[in-house]
């Protein structure tokens, strides 16, 4: 089990075998691009068994990698993976103590083709990132008509402010966005003041944007931004304007201060991390463990993960064929609806997703909201490799039973009848009876098959049910009970 096969000349060919579940049942690079989800109760060995097995073999094959951290010890674990396969030099640690800094807005600009729709794209990204910072399951929809008006007005304000920043040549950072908005005119008379012009960051940006050469389309956009700020925004009721402004700044507040600002909104001169580094083979560990840094740790990791997903979704795999994997243990702390969307197209971007959690119930709780179940089913439906360790969650058991299906089972039945006279048998009176058999379709896996799996421990292994969508094992079934060494399968190059 887990034996290696001889590599082809192209190490990243889709049919290259990473390891084998059993003789004749390989797990290939193609399989890795079709999503993997690992579930198991606490202590079942899912992290030290299945997740370690998949992650080590992908690193050994040369994948670029992004590892998310939930527990304090996760960094040391993932560093161990890299050392075990001889890739210590590819390690990059993204943490408060290490000098890696990013800008999610600059990353978007780097990958945008020209300036067409750039302000709209940046506004949409900023809105998404602000939502990613909310706690899992937080409601994002609904509310009164007034709240919906203020939300739309805040996005409009952000869009025109972004447009002015871009055309003025200023960096579209969170501090600059904030400075421009708060220094915008509060009345029609204010721009006539020489004192206001000298101290207003907004006016300096508008003057620079006005002098920048533009295409006819860009000129039309600039004129709309001018009308918005000089007329519509300046004439807005003071209370309404204040509410719109606070709606935007409240949504982006966490991105504008402290560790999140330093890590995610760094000035261009300080940015030294780009998600494209993973395409060059870097192994990035996001050492902001959620159980240590709490909300800030979650915000930083989900934003970097989202940046990476957007970059990978855009890349030209013909010129950048190296596979990239995103690995997230205890993913319920970091799962967002963006993960569900990314996994639907990960194969076309040569991206592997390996997420581990306790159960289906845990996934539902982490996604939250009225759309939690459809999102969860979409996510699981696009994970063609599923590994289930010892489990007692009834939702997870039902999910796996439906996944592996039913088969025709035969049952023997019999019955006997006796004389009502208890002395009958003694005097030779015959007794009656009947026998026969019946058939019905029953689940191939029962609850006892999952809750009876061997958990990890001193014996050094864990049992799991592995399901491969559309990939039958030697017995013709798409699932198999396997025994996985907890130290992970180490890959020797041939």
Protein backbone atom coordinates (compact mmCIF):
# COMPACT_ATOMS: atom_id res chain seq x y z
CA UNK A 1 0.00 0.00 0.00
CA UNK A 2 1.10 3.59 -0.76
CA UNK A 3 3.90 2.31 -3.03
CA UNK A 4 5.60 4.61 -5.52
CA UNK A 5 5.54 4.17 -9.25
CA UNK A 6 8.23 5.24 -11.67
CA UNK A 7 7.85 8.88 -12.68
CA UNK A 8 7.33 9.90 -16.28
CA UNK A 9 9.72 12.31 -17.97
CA UNK A 10 7.38 15.23 -17.31
CA UNK A 11 7.09 15.34 -13.50
CA UNK A 12 3.88 17.37 -13.67
CA UNK A 13 2.04 15.32 -16.24
CA UNK A 14 -1.58 14.90 -15.16
CA UNK A 15 -1.20 11.12 -14.96
CA UNK A 16 1.92 11.21 -12.78
CA UNK A 17 1.35 9.01 -9.72
CA UNK A 18 1.90 10.64 -6.35
CA UNK A 19 1.27 7.42 -4.39
CA UNK A 20 -0.93 4.32 -4.53
CA UNK A 21 -3.76 3.43 -2.17
CA UNK A 22 -3.20 -0.18 -3.17
CA UNK A 23 -1.73 -2.01 -6.14
CA UNK A 24 -3.47 -0.70 -9.25
CA UNK A 25 -5.13 2.24 -7.45
CA UNK A 26 -2.93 5.35 -7.86
CA UNK A 27 -3.61 8.87 -6.64
CA UNK A 28 -2.39 11.11 -9.43
CA UNK A 29 -1.75 14.79 -10.04
CA UNK A 30 -5.06 14.83 -11.90
CA UNK A 31 -6.79 13.46 -8.78
CA UNK A 32 -5.20 16.16 -6.62
CA UNK A 33 -6.73 18.88 -8.81
CA UNK A 34 -10.24 17.50 -8.21
CA UNK A 35 -10.38 18.46 -4.53
CA UNK A 36 -9.85 16.48 -1.33
CA UNK A 37 -11.81 16.66 1.91
CA UNK A 38 -10.86 14.78 5.06
CA UNK A 39 -13.25 14.21 7.96
CA UNK A 40 -12.84 12.50 11.29
CA UNK A 41 -13.64 12.89 14.95
CA UNK A 42 -11.13 14.45 17.33
CA UNK A 43 -8.23 12.03 17.81
CA UNK A 44 -9.15 9.90 14.79
CA UNK A 45 -5.80 10.55 13.08
CA UNK A 46 -7.05 12.61 10.14
CA UNK A 47 -4.29 15.22 10.49
CA UNK A 48 -1.35 12.91 11.21
CA UNK A 49 -2.64 10.31 8.75
CA UNK A 50 -4.55 11.39 5.64
CA UNK A 51 -3.65 15.08 5.57
CA UNK A 52 0.02 14.31 6.17
CA UNK A 53 -0.04 11.64 3.45
CA UNK A 54 -1.51 13.93 0.79
CA UNK A 55 0.49 17.04 1.72
CA UNK A 56 3.88 15.33 1.92
CA UNK A 57 3.46 13.62 -1.44
CA UNK A 58 2.43 16.85 -3.15
CA UNK A 59 5.42 18.67 -1.67
CA UNK A 60 7.70 15.82 -2.74
CA UNK A 61 6.37 16.21 -6.30
CA UNK A 62 7.40 19.89 -6.33
CA UNK A 63 4.05 21.61 -5.71
CA UNK A 64 3.99 25.20 -4.55
CA UNK A 65 1.96 25.31 -1.35
CA UNK A 66 -0.01 27.54 0.99
CA UNK A 67 -0.54 26.14 4.49
CA UNK A 68 -3.08 27.74 6.82
CA UNK A 69 -2.62 27.49 10.60
CA UNK A 70 -5.25 27.10 13.30
CA UNK A 71 -3.23 25.65 16.21
CA UNK A 72 0.03 26.99 17.60
CA UNK A 73 1.93 23.83 16.65
CA UNK A 74 0.81 23.82 13.00
CA UNK A 75 3.82 25.82 11.79
CA UNK A 76 6.27 23.27 13.20
CA UNK A 77 4.26 20.43 11.66
CA UNK A 78 4.33 21.93 8.17
CA UNK A 79 7.99 22.87 8.45
CA UNK A 80 8.57 19.20 9.22
CA UNK A 81 6.81 18.22 5.99
CA UNK A 82 9.15 20.47 3.98
CA UNK A 83 12.26 19.15 5.74
CA UNK A 84 11.22 15.53 5.23
CA UNK A 85 11.10 15.99 1.45
CA UNK A 86 14.20 18.20 1.24
CA UNK A 87 12.50 21.52 0.48
CA UNK A 88 13.56 23.71 3.41
CA UNK A 89 14.91 26.35 1.01
CA UNK A 90 11.44 26.88 -0.45
CA UNK A 91 9.91 27.78 2.93
CA UNK A 92 8.46 31.25 3.56
CA UNK A 93 6.90 32.08 6.93
CA UNK A 94 4.14 34.69 6.92
CA UNK A 95 3.82 35.81 10.54
CA UNK A 96 3.90 38.94 12.75
CA UNK A 97 7.59 38.28 13.49
CA UNK A 98 8.68 37.59 9.91
CA UNK A 99 9.13 40.35 7.32
CA UNK A 100 6.62 39.09 4.72
CA UNK A 101 4.12 41.77 3.80
CA UNK A 102 1.38 41.89 1.14
CA UNK A 103 -1.18 44.25 -0.35
CA UNK A 104 -4.35 42.63 -1.58
CA UNK A 105 -5.23 45.76 -3.57
CA UNK A 106 -1.77 45.95 -5.17
CA UNK A 107 -2.01 42.25 -6.02
CA UNK A 108 -5.28 42.92 -7.85
CA UNK A 109 -3.69 45.80 -9.79
CA UNK A 110 -0.69 43.65 -10.70
CA UNK A 111 -2.92 41.11 -12.40
CA UNK A 112 -5.40 43.52 -13.98
CA UNK A 113 -5.11 44.01 -17.72
CA UNK A 114 -5.03 47.77 -18.16
CA UNK A 115 -7.28 50.13 -16.21
CA UNK A 116 -10.60 49.03 -17.71
CA UNK A 117 -12.98 48.51 -14.83
CA UNK A 118 -10.11 48.57 -12.33
CA UNK A 119 -11.89 50.80 -9.82
CA UNK A 120 -14.94 48.55 -9.95
CA UNK A 121 -12.77 45.44 -9.52
CA UNK A 122 -10.93 46.94 -6.56
CA UNK A 123 -14.20 48.01 -4.94
CA UNK A 124 -15.68 44.53 -5.40
CA UNK A 125 -12.52 42.98 -3.96
CA UNK A 126 -12.51 45.36 -1.00
CA UNK A 127 -16.17 44.56 -0.30
CA UNK A 128 -15.49 40.83 -0.48
CA UNK A 129 -12.42 41.10 1.75
CA UNK A 130 -14.37 43.13 4.30
CA UNK A 131 -17.01 40.39 4.36
CA UNK A 132 -14.36 37.72 4.74
CA UNK A 133 -13.36 39.43 7.96
CA UNK A 134 -16.75 38.78 9.51
CA UNK A 135 -17.19 35.90 11.91
CA UNK A 136 -18.25 32.57 10.37
CA UNK A 137 -21.97 32.43 9.76
CA UNK A 138 -22.46 36.17 10.10
CA UNK A 139 -25.50 37.41 8.24
CA UNK A 140 -24.65 39.46 5.17
CA UNK A 141 -28.02 39.88 3.64
CA UNK A 142 -31.42 41.09 4.66
CA UNK A 143 -31.95 44.09 6.87
CA UNK A 144 -34.07 47.16 6.32
CA UNK A 145 -34.36 49.13 3.09
CA UNK A 146 -32.37 51.92 4.74
CA UNK A 147 -29.42 49.63 5.54
CA UNK A 148 -29.41 48.36 1.95
CA UNK A 149 -29.39 51.96 0.68
CA UNK A 150 -26.43 52.88 2.89
CA UNK A 151 -24.54 49.75 1.84
CA UNK A 152 -24.98 50.55 -1.86
CA UNK A 153 -24.11 54.21 -1.26
CA UNK A 154 -20.93 53.17 0.59
CA UNK A 155 -19.88 50.97 -2.34
CA UNK A 156 -20.51 53.84 -4.73
CA UNK A 157 -18.41 56.16 -2.58
CA UNK A 158 -15.63 53.59 -2.51
CA UNK A 159 -15.77 53.10 -6.28
CA UNK A 160 -15.34 56.80 -7.10
CA UNK A 161 -12.66 57.24 -4.45
CA UNK A 162 -10.73 54.31 -5.91
CA UNK A 163 -11.05 55.80 -9.39
CA UNK A 164 -9.60 59.13 -8.24
CA UNK A 165 -6.71 57.41 -6.44
CA UNK A 166 -5.85 55.31 -9.49
CA UNK A 167 -5.97 58.22 -11.95
CA UNK A 168 -3.96 60.44 -9.61
CA UNK A 169 -1.14 57.90 -9.48
CA UNK A 170 -1.49 57.37 -5.72
CA UNK A 171 -1.31 53.89 -4.27
CA UNK A 172 -4.79 52.44 -3.63
CA UNK A 173 -4.00 51.54 -0.02
CA UNK A 174 -6.44 51.54 2.86
CA UNK A 175 -4.85 54.62 4.52
CA UNK A 176 -4.99 56.59 1.25
CA UNK A 177 -8.59 55.57 0.65
CA UNK A 178 -9.53 56.74 4.13
CA UNK A 179 -7.64 60.05 3.76
CA UNK A 180 -9.32 60.83 0.45
CA UNK A 181 -12.84 60.14 1.74
CA UNK A 182 -12.57 62.15 4.97
CA UNK A 183 -10.99 65.11 3.15
CA UNK A 184 -13.66 65.26 0.40
CA UNK A 185 -15.73 68.48 0.33
CA UNK A 186 -18.64 68.74 2.77
CA UNK A 187 -20.26 71.64 0.90
CA UNK A 188 -20.13 73.40 -2.49
CA UNK A 189 -18.40 76.38 -0.93
CA UNK A 190 -15.52 74.40 0.62
CA UNK A 191 -13.54 73.84 -2.63
CA UNK A 192 -13.46 77.62 -3.11
CA UNK A 193 -11.40 78.00 0.06
CA UNK A 194 -7.65 78.35 -0.50
CA UNK A 195 -7.00 76.98 2.99
CA UNK A 196 -9.08 73.86 2.23
CA UNK A 197 -7.24 73.29 -1.05
CA UNK A 198 -3.86 73.42 0.66
CA UNK A 199 -4.69 70.87 3.36
CA UNK A 200 -7.10 68.58 1.47
CA UNK A 201 -5.63 65.27 0.32
CA UNK A 202 -8.74 64.86 -1.82
CA UNK A 203 -8.02 68.09 -3.72
CA UNK A 204 -4.39 67.09 -4.32
CA UNK A 205 -5.54 63.77 -5.78
CA UNK A 206 -8.19 65.41 -7.96
CA UNK A 207 -5.67 67.93 -9.34
CA UNK A 208 -3.16 65.15 -10.14
CA UNK A 209 -5.89 63.03 -11.74
CA UNK A 210 -7.06 65.95 -13.85
CA UNK A 211 -3.55 66.44 -15.26
CA UNK A 212 -2.99 62.75 -16.02
CA UNK A 213 -3.35 61.78 -19.72
CA UNK A 214 -6.52 59.75 -20.24
CA UNK A 215 -8.40 57.84 -22.87
CA UNK A 216 -11.90 59.11 -23.72
CA UNK A 217 -13.37 56.39 -21.50
CA UNK A 218 -11.12 57.34 -18.57
CA UNK A 219 -11.97 61.03 -19.06
CA UNK A 220 -15.68 60.20 -18.90
CA UNK A 221 -15.11 58.23 -15.67
CA UNK A 222 -13.15 61.13 -14.17
CA UNK A 223 -15.92 63.59 -15.01
CA UNK A 224 -18.47 61.34 -13.30
CA UNK A 225 -16.27 61.16 -10.20
CA UNK A 226 -15.94 64.98 -10.22
CA UNK A 227 -19.73 65.43 -10.40
CA UNK A 228 -20.22 62.88 -7.64
CA UNK A 229 -17.84 64.50 -5.14
CA UNK A 230 -18.24 68.19 -6.02
CA UNK A 231 -22.01 68.20 -6.39
CA UNK A 232 -23.79 65.09 -5.14
CA UNK A 233 -21.53 64.29 -2.18
CA UNK A 234 -21.03 67.93 -1.20
CA UNK A 235 -24.79 68.62 -1.20
CA UNK A 236 -25.75 65.47 0.70
CA UNK A 237 -27.41 65.94 4.07
CA UNK A 238 -24.70 65.97 6.75
CA UNK A 239 -26.28 63.11 8.71
CA UNK A 240 -26.76 60.98 5.60
CA UNK A 241 -23.22 61.67 4.42
CA UNK A 242 -21.84 60.74 7.81
CA UNK A 243 -23.81 57.48 7.84
CA UNK A 244 -22.62 56.51 4.35
CA UNK A 245 -19.04 57.32 5.28
CA UNK A 246 -19.22 55.35 8.54
CA UNK A 247 -20.83 52.40 6.73
CA UNK A 248 -17.76 52.14 4.52
CA UNK A 249 -15.15 52.78 7.21
CA UNK A 250 -16.83 50.33 9.61
CA UNK A 251 -16.66 47.59 6.97
CA UNK A 252 -12.98 48.24 6.32
CA UNK A 253 -11.96 49.16 9.86
CA UNK A 254 -10.17 45.88 10.65
CA UNK A 255 -8.14 46.22 7.43
CA UNK A 256 -7.05 49.74 8.29
CA UNK A 257 -5.27 49.23 11.60
CA UNK A 258 -2.78 47.09 13.48
CA UNK A 259 -1.40 43.78 12.31
CA UNK A 260 -4.03 43.36 9.57
CA UNK A 261 -3.09 46.71 8.00
CA UNK A 262 0.64 45.96 8.22
CA UNK A 263 0.25 42.46 6.77
CA UNK A 264 -2.42 43.06 4.12
CA UNK A 265 -2.27 46.74 3.14
CA UNK A 266 1.45 47.46 3.06
CA UNK A 267 2.79 50.30 0.86
CA UNK A 268 4.26 49.20 -2.45
CA UNK A 269 7.81 49.78 -1.19
CA UNK A 270 7.26 47.25 1.61
CA UNK A 271 5.37 44.55 -0.29
CA UNK A 272 7.55 41.43 -0.58
CA UNK A 273 4.94 38.69 -0.87
CA UNK A 274 2.94 37.92 -3.99
CA UNK A 275 0.77 34.81 -4.43
CA UNK A 276 2.55 34.17 -7.73
CA UNK A 277 5.53 33.02 -5.64
CA UNK A 278 3.69 29.74 -5.16
CA UNK A 279 3.84 29.17 -8.92
CA UNK A 280 7.63 29.35 -8.57
CA UNK A 281 7.59 26.56 -5.98
CA UNK A 282 7.52 28.48 -2.71
CA UNK A 283 5.96 26.86 0.37
CA UNK A 284 4.19 29.55 2.39
CA UNK A 285 3.07 28.92 5.97
CA UNK A 286 0.53 31.43 7.30
CA UNK A 287 1.71 31.47 10.90
CA UNK A 288 -1.19 33.49 12.27
CA UNK A 289 -2.82 30.59 14.16
CA UNK A 290 -6.49 31.33 14.81
CA UNK A 291 -6.44 29.89 18.32
CA UNK A 292 -3.61 32.31 19.21
CA UNK A 293 -4.42 35.49 17.23
CA UNK A 294 -8.20 34.91 17.06
CA UNK A 295 -10.07 37.34 14.75
CA UNK A 296 -6.91 38.99 13.40
CA UNK A 297 -5.42 35.58 12.64
CA UNK A 298 -8.54 34.56 10.80
CA UNK A 299 -8.74 37.82 8.84
CA UNK A 300 -5.12 37.71 7.68
CA UNK A 301 -5.32 34.08 6.59
CA UNK A 302 -8.63 34.24 4.74
CA UNK A 303 -7.50 37.36 2.86
CA UNK A 304 -4.14 35.85 1.83
CA UNK A 305 -5.96 32.64 0.88
CA UNK A 306 -8.43 34.65 -1.18
CA UNK A 307 -5.58 36.58 -2.87
CA UNK A 308 -3.96 33.26 -3.75
CA UNK A 309 -7.17 31.82 -5.15
CA UNK A 310 -7.73 34.87 -7.37
CA UNK A 311 -4.14 34.73 -8.64
CA UNK A 312 -4.31 31.01 -9.37
CA UNK A 313 -7.65 31.36 -11.14
CA UNK A 314 -6.10 33.88 -13.57
CA UNK A 315 -2.84 32.14 -14.37
CA UNK A 316 -1.79 30.76 -17.73
CA UNK A 317 -1.00 27.14 -16.95
CA UNK A 318 0.71 26.60 -20.30
CA UNK A 319 3.54 28.91 -19.25
CA UNK A 320 3.25 28.13 -15.53
CA UNK A 321 2.47 24.40 -15.21
CA UNK A 322 3.74 23.81 -11.67
CA UNK A 323 0.89 22.52 -9.49
CA UNK A 324 -0.05 24.52 -6.39
CA UNK A 325 -1.87 23.24 -3.32
CA UNK A 326 -3.81 24.97 -0.55
CA UNK A 327 -3.86 22.93 2.67
CA UNK A 328 -6.10 23.82 5.58
CA UNK A 329 -6.49 21.63 8.66
CA UNK A 330 -9.41 22.43 11.00
CA UNK A 331 -10.82 24.32 8.02
CA UNK A 332 -14.05 25.19 9.84
CA UNK A 333 -12.18 28.16 11.34
CA UNK A 334 -11.16 29.56 7.93
CA UNK A 335 -13.78 28.32 5.47
CA UNK A 336 -15.68 30.93 3.44
CA UNK A 337 -18.03 30.80 0.51
CA UNK A 338 -15.09 31.83 -1.68
CA UNK A 339 -13.53 28.41 -1.02
CA UNK A 340 -16.65 26.75 -2.34
CA UNK A 341 -16.44 28.86 -5.51
CA UNK A 342 -12.72 28.24 -5.99
CA UNK A 343 -12.93 24.46 -5.75
CA UNK A 344 -15.41 24.41 -8.66
CA UNK A 345 -12.69 25.62 -11.08
CA UNK A 346 -9.48 24.54 -9.31
CA UNK A 347 -8.75 21.84 -11.87
CA UNK A 348 -8.40 24.29 -14.77
CA UNK A 349 -5.83 26.31 -12.79
CA UNK A 350 -3.85 23.19 -11.77
CA UNK A 351 -4.66 23.83 -8.14
CA UNK A 352 -5.12 21.23 -5.41
CA UNK A 353 -7.31 21.83 -2.37
CA UNK A 354 -6.92 19.68 0.76
CA UNK A 355 -9.23 20.63 3.62
CA UNK A 356 -9.76 18.69 6.86
CA UNK A 357 -12.47 19.06 9.50
CA UNK A 358 -14.42 16.99 12.00
CA UNK A 359 -17.75 16.43 10.29
CA UNK A 360 -20.50 17.59 7.94
CA UNK A 361 -22.15 19.29 10.92
CA UNK A 362 -18.98 21.29 11.53
CA UNK A 363 -18.93 22.46 7.90
CA UNK A 364 -22.56 23.56 8.11
CA UNK A 365 -21.88 25.53 11.28
CA UNK A 366 -18.82 27.24 9.78
CA UNK A 367 -20.62 28.37 6.61
CA UNK A 368 -23.69 29.54 8.53
CA UNK A 369 -26.69 31.38 7.13
CA UNK A 370 -29.62 30.20 5.07
CA UNK A 371 -27.39 29.07 2.18
CA UNK A 372 -25.06 26.96 4.34
CA UNK A 373 -26.31 23.58 3.17
CA UNK A 374 -26.26 24.31 -0.61
CA UNK A 375 -22.77 25.77 -0.27
CA UNK A 376 -21.57 22.80 1.75
CA UNK A 377 -23.03 20.31 -0.73
CA UNK A 378 -21.42 22.21 -3.61
CA UNK A 379 -18.07 22.14 -1.81
CA UNK A 380 -18.27 18.41 -1.03
CA UNK A 381 -19.62 17.66 -4.50
CA UNK A 382 -16.44 19.10 -6.00
CA UNK A 383 -14.17 17.11 -3.67
CA UNK A 384 -13.71 13.92 -5.67
CA UNK A 385 -11.36 12.48 -3.03
CA UNK A 386 -12.96 12.09 0.38
CA UNK A 387 -11.34 10.41 3.35
CA UNK A 388 -13.45 9.50 6.36
CA UNK A 389 -11.86 8.50 9.62
CA UNK A 390 -13.56 7.28 12.79
CA UNK A 391 -16.86 9.12 13.00
CA UNK A 392 -19.93 9.39 15.22
CA UNK A 393 -21.64 12.39 13.60
CA UNK A 394 -24.87 11.04 12.10
CA UNK A 395 -24.96 13.65 9.30
CA UNK A 396 -21.50 12.60 8.16
CA UNK A 397 -22.40 8.92 8.31
CA UNK A 398 -25.54 9.56 6.23
CA UNK A 399 -23.50 11.60 3.74
CA UNK A 400 -20.97 8.80 3.25
CA UNK A 401 -23.72 6.17 2.98
CA UNK A 402 -25.40 8.13 0.19
CA UNK A 403 -22.04 8.73 -1.46
CA UNK A 404 -20.97 5.08 -1.55
CA UNK A 405 -24.46 3.90 -2.50
CA UNK A 406 -26.45 0.72 -2.01
CA UNK A 407 -26.03 -2.85 -3.20
CA UNK A 408 -28.41 -5.80 -3.48
CA UNK A 409 -28.37 -7.95 -0.35
CA UNK A 410 -30.00 -11.34 0.20
CA UNK A 411 -31.67 -12.24 3.48
CA UNK A 412 -32.73 -15.73 4.62
CA UNK A 413 -35.88 -16.03 6.70
CA UNK A 414 -37.67 -18.97 8.32
CA UNK A 415 -40.56 -19.67 10.64
CA UNK A 416 -41.97 -22.70 12.51
CA UNK A 417 -45.37 -23.59 13.96
CA UNK A 418 -46.17 -25.94 16.77
CA UNK A 419 -49.23 -27.81 17.92
CA UNK A 420 -51.16 -26.04 20.61
CA UNK A 421 -50.92 -29.21 22.66
CA UNK A 422 -47.56 -29.15 24.39
CA UNK A 423 -47.55 -32.94 24.43
CA UNK A 424 -47.78 -33.10 20.64
CA UNK A 425 -44.06 -33.39 19.92
CA UNK A 426 -43.73 -36.16 22.53
CA UNK A 427 -46.33 -38.37 20.84
CA UNK A 428 -45.05 -37.72 17.33
CA UNK A 429 -47.33 -34.94 16.13
CA UNK A 430 -45.51 -33.11 13.35
CA UNK A 431 -44.76 -29.38 13.60
CA UNK A 432 -45.07 -27.00 10.64
CA UNK A 433 -42.72 -24.34 9.27
CA UNK A 434 -41.54 -22.38 6.24
CA UNK A 435 -38.34 -20.83 4.95
CA UNK A 436 -37.28 -18.60 2.15
CA UNK A 437 -35.15 -15.59 1.21
CA UNK A 438 -35.66 -11.99 0.18
CA UNK A 439 -33.59 -9.32 -1.54
CA UNK A 440 -33.35 -5.58 -0.98
CA UNK A 441 -30.94 -2.73 -1.67
CA UNK A 442 -29.04 -1.74 1.48
CA UNK A 443 -26.28 0.79 2.14
CA UNK A 444 -22.86 -0.68 1.49
CA UNK A 445 -21.53 1.04 4.61
CA UNK A 446 -23.22 0.96 7.98
CA UNK A 447 -22.70 3.28 10.93
CA UNK A 448 -20.60 0.61 12.65
CA UNK A 449 -18.16 0.68 9.70
CA UNK A 450 -17.30 4.31 10.50
CA UNK A 451 -17.51 4.50 14.26
CA UNK A 452 -15.49 1.27 14.46
CA UNK A 453 -12.49 2.50 12.44
CA UNK A 454 -9.15 2.39 14.24
CA UNK A 455 -8.13 5.76 15.63
CA UNK A 456 -4.59 7.07 15.70
CA UNK A 457 -2.36 6.30 18.64
CA UNK A 458 0.71 4.48 19.86
CA UNK A 459 0.24 1.76 17.23
CA UNK A 460 1.23 4.33 14.58
CA UNK A 461 -1.60 4.03 12.09
CA UNK A 462 -5.18 5.09 11.49
CA UNK A 463 -7.95 3.54 9.39
CA UNK A 464 -10.05 5.47 6.89
CA UNK A 465 -12.68 4.96 4.24
CA UNK A 466 -11.34 6.52 1.05
CA UNK A 467 -13.81 7.48 -1.66
CA UNK A 468 -12.63 8.26 -5.20
CA UNK A 469 -15.34 9.72 -7.41
CA UNK A 470 -15.43 7.86 -10.70
CA UNK A 471 -12.24 5.91 -9.92
CA UNK A 472 -13.07 2.30 -8.98
CA UNK A 473 -10.70 0.18 -6.94
CA UNK A 474 -9.75 -3.35 -8.00
CA UNK A 475 -13.02 -4.72 -6.59
CA UNK A 476 -15.07 -2.33 -8.76
CA UNK A 477 -16.17 -0.11 -5.89
CA UNK A 478 -15.36 3.59 -5.62
CA UNK A 479 -14.52 3.24 -1.91
CA UNK A 480 -12.05 1.24 0.09
CA UNK A 481 -11.05 0.81 3.72
CA UNK A 482 -7.34 1.64 4.00
CA UNK A 483 -4.76 1.74 6.77
CA UNK A 484 -2.61 4.88 6.77
CA UNK A 485 0.69 5.22 8.67
CA UNK A 486 0.51 8.26 10.92
CA UNK A 487 3.99 9.45 10.07
CA UNK A 488 2.79 9.85 6.47
CA UNK A 489 3.93 8.02 3.38
CA UNK A 490 7.38 9.26 2.41
CA UNK A 491 8.14 9.41 -1.22
CA UNK A 492 11.46 8.25 -2.58
CA UNK A 493 12.44 9.65 -5.95
CA UNK A 494 13.23 7.20 -8.67
